[in-house]
């Protein structure tokens, strides 16, 4: 029977029922495939009907409340928060450290922007290189997953960081986060 080893955790979030790119200018998208080519874009006033502490837009951007932002900042993780709604104090959350990932399935390479339109089935390449589980930190994957403008990096947590955040979700009643294991066969 195959044994599995937890090597990290994936942070995902509840849908906040909004589109990050709603109303975005055409210039931030590839004219050929439609993928985002300007990752610095921020909406002026993102509206999110779901009031979770962390949510994800339909197009894959992580949006944090002021409460979640302050909690993560206290952990001293390398995460950038960009204001996307001043009135409701909502922030796009972007880990600054990158962890190597690849995809099992890459399809529809665009000759204009060089991106794959479809990128699915994440593979934690970092583990194949290091042979070690992640212990601490919050990371963006080195590639985005999904299709077209909905493609975005996943957020990966070190094991200790995930346990710390899981505990805070319960004690502080933080809403919207889902933390799941990333595992590899341990033969």
C-alpha atoms as a PDB file:
ATOM      1  CA  UNK A   1       0.000   0.000   0.000  1.00  0.00           C
ATOM      2  CA  UNK A   2       1.350   3.428  -0.966  1.00  0.00           C
ATOM      3  CA  UNK A   3       2.141   5.791   1.897  1.00  0.00           C
ATOM      4  CA  UNK A   4       1.875   9.552   1.379  1.00  0.00           C
ATOM      5  CA  UNK A   5       3.983  12.334   2.855  1.00  0.00           C
ATOM      6  CA  UNK A   6       2.606  15.832   3.454  1.00  0.00           C
ATOM      7  CA  UNK A   7       5.097  18.225   1.831  1.00  0.00           C
ATOM      8  CA  UNK A   8       3.165  21.510   2.088  1.00  0.00           C
ATOM      9  CA  UNK A   9      -0.355  22.911   2.232  1.00  0.00           C
ATOM     10  CA  UNK A  10      -2.462  24.715  -0.354  1.00  0.00           C
ATOM     11  CA  UNK A  11      -4.377  27.828   0.717  1.00  0.00           C
ATOM     12  CA  UNK A  12      -7.571  28.330  -1.217  1.00  0.00           C
ATOM     13  CA  UNK A  13     -10.536  30.551  -0.464  1.00  0.00           C
ATOM     14  CA  UNK A  14     -14.277  30.781  -0.838  1.00  0.00           C
ATOM     15  CA  UNK A  15     -15.622  32.440  -4.000  1.00  0.00           C
ATOM     16  CA  UNK A  16     -16.296  36.078  -3.288  1.00  0.00           C
ATOM     17  CA  UNK A  17     -18.654  36.301  -6.289  1.00  0.00           C
ATOM     18  CA  UNK A  18     -16.709  38.934  -8.177  1.00  0.00           C
ATOM     19  CA  UNK A  19     -14.457  39.312 -11.203  1.00  0.00           C
ATOM     20  CA  UNK A  20     -11.100  41.000 -10.623  1.00  0.00           C
ATOM     21  CA  UNK A  21     -10.814  41.931 -14.303  1.00  0.00           C
ATOM     22  CA  UNK A  22     -14.379  43.269 -14.676  1.00  0.00           C
ATOM     23  CA  UNK A  23     -13.944  46.585 -16.485  1.00  0.00           C
ATOM     24  CA  UNK A  24     -10.179  46.133 -16.970  1.00  0.00           C
ATOM     25  CA  UNK A  25      -8.658  47.800 -20.059  1.00  0.00           C
ATOM     26  CA  UNK A  26      -8.050  45.564 -23.086  1.00  0.00           C
ATOM     27  CA  UNK A  27      -4.368  46.572 -23.047  1.00  0.00           C
ATOM     28  CA  UNK A  28      -3.593  44.269 -20.087  1.00  0.00           C
ATOM     29  CA  UNK A  29      -4.628  41.162 -22.076  1.00  0.00           C
ATOM     30  CA  UNK A  30      -2.886  39.431 -24.967  1.00  0.00           C
ATOM     31  CA  UNK A  31      -4.655  40.373 -28.211  1.00  0.00           C
ATOM     32  CA  UNK A  32      -4.288  36.791 -29.481  1.00  0.00           C
ATOM     33  CA  UNK A  33      -5.193  34.496 -26.564  1.00  0.00           C
ATOM     34  CA  UNK A  34      -6.721  36.829 -23.956  1.00  0.00           C
ATOM     35  CA  UNK A  35      -4.345  35.886 -21.119  1.00  0.00           C
ATOM     36  CA  UNK A  36      -3.293  38.645 -18.714  1.00  0.00           C
ATOM     37  CA  UNK A  37       0.051  40.183 -19.712  1.00  0.00           C
ATOM     38  CA  UNK A  38       0.130  42.958 -17.080  1.00  0.00           C
ATOM     39  CA  UNK A  39       0.170  41.431 -13.588  1.00  0.00           C
ATOM     40  CA  UNK A  40       0.414  44.908 -12.006  1.00  0.00           C
ATOM     41  CA  UNK A  41      -3.201  45.764 -12.865  1.00  0.00           C
ATOM     42  CA  UNK A  42      -5.441  46.672  -9.913  1.00  0.00           C
ATOM     43  CA  UNK A  43      -9.134  47.532 -10.145  1.00  0.00           C
ATOM     44  CA  UNK A  44     -10.147  50.938  -8.768  1.00  0.00           C
ATOM     45  CA  UNK A  45     -13.005  49.668  -6.596  1.00  0.00           C
ATOM     46  CA  UNK A  46     -13.459  45.877  -6.501  1.00  0.00           C
ATOM     47  CA  UNK A  47     -16.947  44.971  -5.302  1.00  0.00           C
ATOM     48  CA  UNK A  48     -17.320  41.645  -3.496  1.00  0.00           C
ATOM     49  CA  UNK A  49     -20.780  40.514  -2.335  1.00  0.00           C
ATOM     50  CA  UNK A  50     -19.256  37.804  -0.110  1.00  0.00           C
ATOM     51  CA  UNK A  51     -17.744  39.394   3.014  1.00  0.00           C
ATOM     52  CA  UNK A  52     -15.259  36.643   3.919  1.00  0.00           C
ATOM     53  CA  UNK A  53     -11.890  37.434   5.502  1.00  0.00           C
ATOM     54  CA  UNK A  54     -10.245  35.805   2.507  1.00  0.00           C
ATOM     55  CA  UNK A  55     -11.949  35.097  -0.778  1.00  0.00           C
ATOM     56  CA  UNK A  56     -11.017  34.398  -4.357  1.00  0.00           C
ATOM     57  CA  UNK A  57     -12.435  36.145  -7.384  1.00  0.00           C
ATOM     58  CA  UNK A  58     -13.818  34.040 -10.217  1.00  0.00           C
ATOM     59  CA  UNK A  59     -10.657  34.935 -12.124  1.00  0.00           C
ATOM     60  CA  UNK A  60      -8.344  33.611  -9.416  1.00  0.00           C
ATOM     61  CA  UNK A  61      -7.173  36.625  -7.405  1.00  0.00           C
ATOM     62  CA  UNK A  62      -6.967  36.331  -3.601  1.00  0.00           C
ATOM     63  CA  UNK A  63      -8.752  39.152  -1.767  1.00  0.00           C
ATOM     64  CA  UNK A  64      -8.201  39.688   1.967  1.00  0.00           C
ATOM     65  CA  UNK A  65     -10.051  41.725   4.568  1.00  0.00           C
ATOM     66  CA  UNK A  66      -8.161  44.184   6.759  1.00  0.00           C
ATOM     67  CA  UNK A  67      -8.402  41.643   9.602  1.00  0.00           C
ATOM     68  CA  UNK A  68      -6.806  38.849   7.547  1.00  0.00           C
ATOM     69  CA  UNK A  69      -4.161  41.237   6.187  1.00  0.00           C
ATOM     70  CA  UNK A  70      -3.142  42.347   9.692  1.00  0.00           C
ATOM     71  CA  UNK A  71      -2.986  38.752  10.914  1.00  0.00           C
ATOM     72  CA  UNK A  72      -0.721  37.670   8.018  1.00  0.00           C
ATOM     73  CA  UNK A  73       1.487  40.759   8.446  1.00  0.00           C
ATOM     74  CA  UNK A  74       2.000  39.829  12.122  1.00  0.00           C
ATOM     75  CA  UNK A  75       3.407  36.464  11.009  1.00  0.00           C
ATOM     76  CA  UNK A  76       6.233  38.353   9.267  1.00  0.00           C
ATOM     77  CA  UNK A  77       5.699  36.514   5.991  1.00  0.00           C
ATOM     78  CA  UNK A  78       6.827  38.112   2.752  1.00  0.00           C
ATOM     79  CA  UNK A  79       3.372  39.011   1.399  1.00  0.00           C
ATOM     80  CA  UNK A  80       2.340  42.167  -0.447  1.00  0.00           C
ATOM     81  CA  UNK A  81      -1.151  43.577   0.020  1.00  0.00           C
ATOM     82  CA  UNK A  82      -2.540  46.025  -2.544  1.00  0.00           C
ATOM     83  CA  UNK A  83      -5.658  48.063  -1.772  1.00  0.00           C
ATOM     84  CA  UNK A  84      -8.487  47.228  -4.202  1.00  0.00           C
ATOM     85  CA  UNK A  85     -11.432  48.683  -2.277  1.00  0.00           C
ATOM     86  CA  UNK A  86     -10.780  51.612   0.038  1.00  0.00           C
ATOM     87  CA  UNK A  87     -14.300  51.863   1.499  1.00  0.00           C
ATOM     88  CA  UNK A  88     -14.501  48.173   2.474  1.00  0.00           C
ATOM     89  CA  UNK A  89     -10.759  47.845   3.190  1.00  0.00           C
ATOM     90  CA  UNK A  90     -10.118  44.945   0.777  1.00  0.00           C
ATOM     91  CA  UNK A  91      -6.652  43.969  -0.396  1.00  0.00           C
ATOM     92  CA  UNK A  92      -5.254  41.736  -3.119  1.00  0.00           C
ATOM     93  CA  UNK A  93      -2.862  39.303  -1.446  1.00  0.00           C
ATOM     94  CA  UNK A  94       0.361  38.346  -3.266  1.00  0.00           C
ATOM     95  CA  UNK A  95       3.105  36.255  -1.637  1.00  0.00           C
ATOM     96  CA  UNK A  96       6.500  37.555  -2.752  1.00  0.00           C
ATOM     97  CA  UNK A  97       8.377  34.263  -2.447  1.00  0.00           C
ATOM     98  CA  UNK A  98       8.033  31.863  -5.381  1.00  0.00           C
ATOM     99  CA  UNK A  99       8.052  28.069  -5.100  1.00  0.00           C
ATOM    100  CA  UNK A 100       8.781  25.937  -8.155  1.00  0.00           C
ATOM    101  CA  UNK A 101       5.741  24.198  -9.637  1.00  0.00           C
ATOM    102  CA  UNK A 102       5.000  22.723 -13.032  1.00  0.00           C
ATOM    103  CA  UNK A 103       1.813  21.469 -14.654  1.00  0.00           C
ATOM    104  CA  UNK A 104       0.949  18.019 -15.876  1.00  0.00           C
ATOM    105  CA  UNK A 105      -1.097  19.496 -18.698  1.00  0.00           C
ATOM    106  CA  UNK A 106      -0.089  22.570 -20.725  1.00  0.00           C
ATOM    107  CA  UNK A 107      -2.131  23.340 -23.836  1.00  0.00           C
ATOM    108  CA  UNK A 108      -2.604  26.044 -26.463  1.00  0.00           C
ATOM    109  CA  UNK A 109       0.726  27.885 -26.439  1.00  0.00           C
ATOM    110  CA  UNK A 110       0.242  31.457 -27.643  1.00  0.00           C
ATOM    111  CA  UNK A 111       2.750  32.621 -30.248  1.00  0.00           C
ATOM    112  CA  UNK A 112       2.190  36.264 -29.260  1.00  0.00           C
ATOM    113  CA  UNK A 113       2.662  36.305 -25.450  1.00  0.00           C
ATOM    114  CA  UNK A 114       4.352  32.915 -24.956  1.00  0.00           C
ATOM    115  CA  UNK A 115       1.854  31.721 -22.341  1.00  0.00           C
ATOM    116  CA  UNK A 116      -0.142  28.531 -22.364  1.00  0.00           C
ATOM    117  CA  UNK A 117      -3.863  29.320 -22.436  1.00  0.00           C
ATOM    118  CA  UNK A 118      -4.595  26.185 -20.370  1.00  0.00           C
ATOM    119  CA  UNK A 119      -2.401  25.119 -17.459  1.00  0.00           C
ATOM    120  CA  UNK A 120      -3.791  22.425 -15.156  1.00  0.00           C
ATOM    121  CA  UNK A 121      -2.860  19.677 -12.681  1.00  0.00           C
ATOM    122  CA  UNK A 122      -0.232  21.304 -10.422  1.00  0.00           C
ATOM    123  CA  UNK A 123       2.987  19.374  -9.761  1.00  0.00           C
ATOM    124  CA  UNK A 124       5.173  20.467  -6.796  1.00  0.00           C
ATOM    125  CA  UNK A 125       8.527  20.487  -8.621  1.00  0.00           C
ATOM    126  CA  UNK A 126      10.299  21.957  -5.580  1.00  0.00           C
ATOM    127  CA  UNK A 127      10.005  18.608  -3.778  1.00  0.00           C
ATOM    128  CA  UNK A 128      11.526  16.661  -6.660  1.00  0.00           C
ATOM    129  CA  UNK A 129      14.520  19.041  -6.530  1.00  0.00           C
ATOM    130  CA  UNK A 130      14.999  19.307  -2.755  1.00  0.00           C
ATOM    131  CA  UNK A 131      13.430  16.111  -1.399  1.00  0.00           C
ATOM    132  CA  UNK A 132      12.267  18.148   1.601  1.00  0.00           C
ATOM    133  CA  UNK A 133       8.833  19.306   2.734  1.00  0.00           C
ATOM    134  CA  UNK A 134       8.316  23.062   3.149  1.00  0.00           C
ATOM    135  CA  UNK A 135       8.501  24.023   6.805  1.00  0.00           C
ATOM    136  CA  UNK A 136       7.675  27.712   7.018  1.00  0.00           C
ATOM    137  CA  UNK A 137       6.473  30.465   4.707  1.00  0.00           C
ATOM    138  CA  UNK A 138       3.825  31.526   2.234  1.00  0.00           C
ATOM    139  CA  UNK A 139       4.600  31.203  -1.476  1.00  0.00           C
ATOM    140  CA  UNK A 140       3.112  31.784  -4.910  1.00  0.00           C
ATOM    141  CA  UNK A 141       3.587  28.945  -7.382  1.00  0.00           C
ATOM    142  CA  UNK A 142       6.027  29.730 -10.183  1.00  0.00           C
ATOM    143  CA  UNK A 143       3.243  29.308 -12.759  1.00  0.00           C
ATOM    144  CA  UNK A 144      -0.451  30.088 -12.827  1.00  0.00           C
ATOM    145  CA  UNK A 145      -3.145  27.451 -13.094  1.00  0.00           C
ATOM    146  CA  UNK A 146      -6.456  27.640 -14.926  1.00  0.00           C
ATOM    147  CA  UNK A 147      -7.365  28.938 -18.362  1.00  0.00           C
ATOM    148  CA  UNK A 148      -7.035  32.338 -20.036  1.00  0.00           C
ATOM    149  CA  UNK A 149      -7.497  35.363 -17.829  1.00  0.00           C
ATOM    150  CA  UNK A 150      -8.657  33.075 -14.987  1.00  0.00           C
ATOM    151  CA  UNK A 151      -5.147  31.608 -14.755  1.00  0.00           C
ATOM    152  CA  UNK A 152      -3.295  32.567 -11.562  1.00  0.00           C
ATOM    153  CA  UNK A 153      -0.661  31.209  -9.180  1.00  0.00           C
ATOM    154  CA  UNK A 154      -1.731  29.071  -6.230  1.00  0.00           C
ATOM    155  CA  UNK A 155      -0.763  29.974  -2.657  1.00  0.00           C
ATOM    156  CA  UNK A 156       1.362  27.302  -0.966  1.00  0.00           C
ATOM    157  CA  UNK A 157       2.075  27.236   2.772  1.00  0.00           C
ATOM    158  CA  UNK A 158       4.890  25.596   4.699  1.00  0.00           C
ATOM    159  CA  UNK A 159       3.673  22.986   7.185  1.00  0.00           C
ATOM    160  CA  UNK A 160       4.321  25.095  10.317  1.00  0.00           C
ATOM    161  CA  UNK A 161       2.739  28.165   8.716  1.00  0.00           C
ATOM    162  CA  UNK A 162      -0.344  26.166   7.698  1.00  0.00           C
ATOM    163  CA  UNK A 163      -0.805  24.825  11.234  1.00  0.00           C
ATOM    164  CA  UNK A 164      -0.448  28.346  12.649  1.00  0.00           C
ATOM    165  CA  UNK A 165      -3.020  29.787  10.207  1.00  0.00           C
ATOM    166  CA  UNK A 166      -5.411  26.851  10.780  1.00  0.00           C
ATOM    167  CA  UNK A 167      -5.297  27.543  14.504  1.00  0.00           C
ATOM    168  CA  UNK A 168      -5.957  31.262  13.944  1.00  0.00           C
ATOM    169  CA  UNK A 169      -8.903  30.498  11.670  1.00  0.00           C
ATOM    170  CA  UNK A 170     -10.563  28.763  14.622  1.00  0.00           C
ATOM    171  CA  UNK A 171      -9.512  31.097  17.433  1.00  0.00           C
ATOM    172  CA  UNK A 172     -10.055  34.372  15.531  1.00  0.00           C
ATOM    173  CA  UNK A 173     -13.050  33.062  13.569  1.00  0.00           C
ATOM    174  CA  UNK A 174     -11.501  34.038  10.233  1.00  0.00           C
ATOM    175  CA  UNK A 175     -13.918  33.234   7.417  1.00  0.00           C
ATOM    176  CA  UNK A 176     -13.281  31.931   3.914  1.00  0.00           C
ATOM    177  CA  UNK A 177      -9.956  30.088   4.076  1.00  0.00           C
ATOM    178  CA  UNK A 178      -9.534  26.457   3.122  1.00  0.00           C
ATOM    179  CA  UNK A 179      -6.203  24.766   3.806  1.00  0.00           C
ATOM    180  CA  UNK A 180      -5.539  21.358   2.258  1.00  0.00           C
ATOM    181  CA  UNK A 181      -2.548  19.032   2.176  1.00  0.00           C
ATOM    182  CA  UNK A 182      -0.131  18.786  -0.719  1.00  0.00           C
ATOM    183  CA  UNK A 183       1.296  15.295  -0.607  1.00  0.00           C
ATOM    184  CA  UNK A 184       3.646  13.018  -2.493  1.00  0.00           C
ATOM    185  CA  UNK A 185       4.013   9.230  -2.472  1.00  0.00           C
ATOM    186  CA  UNK A 186       6.471   8.156   0.223  1.00  0.00           C
ATOM    187  CA  UNK A 187       7.730   4.796  -1.032  1.00  0.00           C
END
